[in-house]
């Protein structure tokens, strides 16, 4: 819905800023870059759950040859920057625990995205991802 001036307000009023953060890319663009990064490295990536295209949280389910390694989540830190941090089931958790975690997260946050990555060198990928923010 476009922003409209109210008849009782000032005539030179500007529309309110409705963006979450001026420094944050829309989620669908960030997801596309993660998928492209995996493909460029010869790894596999798929969207398990599609969330809100502009502001959804992103979970990365990192595996290596079908073995669960980690779940990373992009979070807003106290200083206002986005960072990736480890969350969810620990390394070598079975698929049932990972699926249960994702179901609970989906109930809690309907806008969230879940991306599964099967990475040849998961430790390097996690280190690069978490250091880049």
C-alpha atoms as a PDB file:
ATOM      1  CA  UNK A   1       0.000   0.000   0.000  1.00  0.00           C
ATOM      2  CA  UNK A   2       1.521   3.348  -0.995  1.00  0.00           C
ATOM      3  CA  UNK A   3       2.151   5.898   1.721  1.00  0.00           C
ATOM      4  CA  UNK A   4      -0.427   8.682   1.789  1.00  0.00           C
ATOM      5  CA  UNK A   5      -0.404  12.064   3.434  1.00  0.00           C
ATOM      6  CA  UNK A   6      -2.991  12.524   6.104  1.00  0.00           C
ATOM      7  CA  UNK A   7      -5.187  15.568   5.713  1.00  0.00           C
ATOM      8  CA  UNK A   8      -4.291  16.751   9.220  1.00  0.00           C
ATOM      9  CA  UNK A   9      -0.514  16.308   8.787  1.00  0.00           C
ATOM     10  CA  UNK A  10       2.059  18.688   7.315  1.00  0.00           C
ATOM     11  CA  UNK A  11       2.086  18.951   3.547  1.00  0.00           C
ATOM     12  CA  UNK A  12       5.852  18.435   3.280  1.00  0.00           C
ATOM     13  CA  UNK A  13       5.843  15.163   5.251  1.00  0.00           C
ATOM     14  CA  UNK A  14       7.936  12.304   3.887  1.00  0.00           C
ATOM     15  CA  UNK A  15       6.956   8.631   4.017  1.00  0.00           C
ATOM     16  CA  UNK A  16       8.305   6.678   6.981  1.00  0.00           C
ATOM     17  CA  UNK A  17      11.346   4.473   6.471  1.00  0.00           C
ATOM     18  CA  UNK A  18       9.950   0.933   6.412  1.00  0.00           C
ATOM     19  CA  UNK A  19      13.192  -0.899   5.638  1.00  0.00           C
ATOM     20  CA  UNK A  20      14.632  -3.170   8.328  1.00  0.00           C
ATOM     21  CA  UNK A  21      18.173  -1.953   7.754  1.00  0.00           C
ATOM     22  CA  UNK A  22      19.702   0.147   5.017  1.00  0.00           C
ATOM     23  CA  UNK A  23      22.841  -2.029   5.151  1.00  0.00           C
ATOM     24  CA  UNK A  24      21.041  -5.357   4.770  1.00  0.00           C
ATOM     25  CA  UNK A  25      20.412  -7.033   1.443  1.00  0.00           C
ATOM     26  CA  UNK A  26      16.985  -8.545   0.871  1.00  0.00           C
ATOM     27  CA  UNK A  27      17.071 -12.171   1.975  1.00  0.00           C
ATOM     28  CA  UNK A  28      16.344 -13.647  -1.460  1.00  0.00           C
ATOM     29  CA  UNK A  29      19.469 -11.941  -2.857  1.00  0.00           C
ATOM     30  CA  UNK A  30      21.623 -13.255  -0.027  1.00  0.00           C
ATOM     31  CA  UNK A  31      20.195 -16.753  -0.531  1.00  0.00           C
ATOM     32  CA  UNK A  32      20.950 -16.568  -4.267  1.00  0.00           C
ATOM     33  CA  UNK A  33      24.552 -15.597  -3.517  1.00  0.00           C
ATOM     34  CA  UNK A  34      24.947 -18.547  -1.111  1.00  0.00           C
ATOM     35  CA  UNK A  35      23.590 -20.944  -3.743  1.00  0.00           C
ATOM     36  CA  UNK A  36      25.895 -19.443  -6.384  1.00  0.00           C
ATOM     37  CA  UNK A  37      28.912 -19.634  -4.054  1.00  0.00           C
ATOM     38  CA  UNK A  38      28.294 -23.333  -3.434  1.00  0.00           C
ATOM     39  CA  UNK A  39      27.844 -24.069  -7.147  1.00  0.00           C
ATOM     40  CA  UNK A  40      30.993 -22.131  -8.044  1.00  0.00           C
ATOM     41  CA  UNK A  41      32.998 -24.280  -5.617  1.00  0.00           C
ATOM     42  CA  UNK A  42      31.512 -27.481  -7.059  1.00  0.00           C
ATOM     43  CA  UNK A  43      29.385 -28.079  -3.971  1.00  0.00           C
ATOM     44  CA  UNK A  44      25.639 -28.745  -3.679  1.00  0.00           C
ATOM     45  CA  UNK A  45      23.019 -26.372  -2.262  1.00  0.00           C
ATOM     46  CA  UNK A  46      19.243 -26.518  -2.140  1.00  0.00           C
ATOM     47  CA  UNK A  47      16.498 -24.462  -0.570  1.00  0.00           C
ATOM     48  CA  UNK A  48      14.687 -26.630   1.983  1.00  0.00           C
ATOM     49  CA  UNK A  49      12.341 -23.888   3.149  1.00  0.00           C
ATOM     50  CA  UNK A  50      11.565 -20.643   1.373  1.00  0.00           C
ATOM     51  CA  UNK A  51      10.783 -17.713   3.663  1.00  0.00           C
ATOM     52  CA  UNK A  52      10.024 -14.039   3.297  1.00  0.00           C
ATOM     53  CA  UNK A  53      11.967 -12.681   0.303  1.00  0.00           C
ATOM     54  CA  UNK A  54      12.913  -9.418   1.996  1.00  0.00           C
ATOM     55  CA  UNK A  55      13.425  -9.991   5.694  1.00  0.00           C
ATOM     56  CA  UNK A  56      13.431 -13.687   6.582  1.00  0.00           C
ATOM     57  CA  UNK A  57      16.042 -15.267   8.830  1.00  0.00           C
ATOM     58  CA  UNK A  58      18.498 -17.636   7.128  1.00  0.00           C
ATOM     59  CA  UNK A  59      19.602 -21.031   8.433  1.00  0.00           C
ATOM     60  CA  UNK A  60      22.410 -22.934   6.712  1.00  0.00           C
ATOM     61  CA  UNK A  61      22.398 -26.677   7.280  1.00  0.00           C
ATOM     62  CA  UNK A  62      25.996 -27.625   6.499  1.00  0.00           C
ATOM     63  CA  UNK A  63      26.733 -31.244   5.601  1.00  0.00           C
ATOM     64  CA  UNK A  64      29.661 -33.070   4.074  1.00  0.00           C
ATOM     65  CA  UNK A  65      28.946 -36.207   2.056  1.00  0.00           C
ATOM     66  CA  UNK A  66      25.595 -36.538   3.774  1.00  0.00           C
ATOM     67  CA  UNK A  67      27.035 -36.206   7.316  1.00  0.00           C
ATOM     68  CA  UNK A  68      25.645 -33.317   9.398  1.00  0.00           C
ATOM     69  CA  UNK A  69      28.356 -30.823  10.342  1.00  0.00           C
ATOM     70  CA  UNK A  70      26.643 -27.659  11.626  1.00  0.00           C
ATOM     71  CA  UNK A  71      23.688 -25.306  11.468  1.00  0.00           C
ATOM     72  CA  UNK A  72      24.582 -21.644  11.012  1.00  0.00           C
ATOM     73  CA  UNK A  73      22.179 -18.762  11.530  1.00  0.00           C
ATOM     74  CA  UNK A  74      22.548 -15.145  10.514  1.00  0.00           C
ATOM     75  CA  UNK A  75      21.870 -13.028  13.603  1.00  0.00           C
ATOM     76  CA  UNK A  76      21.917  -9.343  14.438  1.00  0.00           C
ATOM     77  CA  UNK A  77      24.634  -8.556  16.975  1.00  0.00           C
ATOM     78  CA  UNK A  78      24.461  -5.879  19.654  1.00  0.00           C
ATOM     79  CA  UNK A  79      26.602  -3.529  17.557  1.00  0.00           C
ATOM     80  CA  UNK A  80      24.056  -3.680  14.695  1.00  0.00           C
ATOM     81  CA  UNK A  81      26.044  -5.943  12.347  1.00  0.00           C
ATOM     82  CA  UNK A  82      24.877  -9.279  10.991  1.00  0.00           C
ATOM     83  CA  UNK A  83      26.993 -12.289  11.874  1.00  0.00           C
ATOM     84  CA  UNK A  84      26.779 -16.033  11.293  1.00  0.00           C
ATOM     85  CA  UNK A  85      26.810 -18.163  14.413  1.00  0.00           C
ATOM     86  CA  UNK A  86      26.480 -21.850  15.102  1.00  0.00           C
ATOM     87  CA  UNK A  87      23.071 -22.975  16.363  1.00  0.00           C
ATOM     88  CA  UNK A  88      20.943 -26.104  16.457  1.00  0.00           C
ATOM     89  CA  UNK A  89      22.051 -29.744  16.500  1.00  0.00           C
ATOM     90  CA  UNK A  90      25.728 -30.447  17.023  1.00  0.00           C
ATOM     91  CA  UNK A  91      28.045 -32.199  14.583  1.00  0.00           C
ATOM     92  CA  UNK A  92      27.107 -35.756  13.565  1.00  0.00           C
ATOM     93  CA  UNK A  93      23.496 -35.364  14.746  1.00  0.00           C
ATOM     94  CA  UNK A  94      21.135 -37.748  13.000  1.00  0.00           C
ATOM     95  CA  UNK A  95      18.714 -36.509  10.343  1.00  0.00           C
ATOM     96  CA  UNK A  96      15.755 -36.848  12.726  1.00  0.00           C
ATOM     97  CA  UNK A  97      17.249 -34.327  15.165  1.00  0.00           C
ATOM     98  CA  UNK A  98      18.004 -31.884  12.351  1.00  0.00           C
ATOM     99  CA  UNK A  99      14.486 -32.253  10.895  1.00  0.00           C
ATOM    100  CA  UNK A 100      12.940 -31.758  14.359  1.00  0.00           C
ATOM    101  CA  UNK A 101      15.024 -28.604  14.881  1.00  0.00           C
ATOM    102  CA  UNK A 102      13.911 -27.206  11.499  1.00  0.00           C
ATOM    103  CA  UNK A 103      10.225 -27.969  12.233  1.00  0.00           C
ATOM    104  CA  UNK A 104      10.432 -26.121  15.540  1.00  0.00           C
ATOM    105  CA  UNK A 105      12.160 -23.155  13.917  1.00  0.00           C
ATOM    106  CA  UNK A 106       9.541 -22.996  11.160  1.00  0.00           C
ATOM    107  CA  UNK A 107       6.743 -22.865  13.759  1.00  0.00           C
ATOM    108  CA  UNK A 108       8.603 -20.144  15.653  1.00  0.00           C
ATOM    109  CA  UNK A 109       9.563 -18.056  12.587  1.00  0.00           C
ATOM    110  CA  UNK A 110       7.356 -18.503   9.527  1.00  0.00           C
ATOM    111  CA  UNK A 111       9.504 -16.080   7.506  1.00  0.00           C
ATOM    112  CA  UNK A 112      12.714 -18.084   7.883  1.00  0.00           C
ATOM    113  CA  UNK A 113      14.717 -19.728   5.108  1.00  0.00           C
ATOM    114  CA  UNK A 114      16.550 -23.060   5.389  1.00  0.00           C
ATOM    115  CA  UNK A 115      19.328 -23.905   2.947  1.00  0.00           C
ATOM    116  CA  UNK A 116      21.071 -27.256   2.900  1.00  0.00           C
ATOM    117  CA  UNK A 117      24.671 -27.236   1.742  1.00  0.00           C
ATOM    118  CA  UNK A 118      26.726 -30.342   1.026  1.00  0.00           C
ATOM    119  CA  UNK A 119      30.247 -28.961   1.125  1.00  0.00           C
ATOM    120  CA  UNK A 120      33.484 -30.837   0.366  1.00  0.00           C
ATOM    121  CA  UNK A 121      35.466 -28.721   2.874  1.00  0.00           C
ATOM    122  CA  UNK A 122      32.892 -27.685   5.499  1.00  0.00           C
ATOM    123  CA  UNK A 123      35.422 -26.360   8.034  1.00  0.00           C
ATOM    124  CA  UNK A 124      36.847 -23.917   5.480  1.00  0.00           C
ATOM    125  CA  UNK A 125      33.363 -22.860   4.360  1.00  0.00           C
ATOM    126  CA  UNK A 126      32.230 -22.254   7.970  1.00  0.00           C
ATOM    127  CA  UNK A 127      35.406 -20.301   8.785  1.00  0.00           C
ATOM    128  CA  UNK A 128      35.019 -18.095   5.691  1.00  0.00           C
ATOM    129  CA  UNK A 129      31.302 -17.569   6.281  1.00  0.00           C
ATOM    130  CA  UNK A 130      31.526 -16.720   9.971  1.00  0.00           C
ATOM    131  CA  UNK A 131      34.518 -14.373   9.509  1.00  0.00           C
ATOM    132  CA  UNK A 132      32.815 -12.504   6.637  1.00  0.00           C
ATOM    133  CA  UNK A 133      29.722 -11.679   8.716  1.00  0.00           C
END
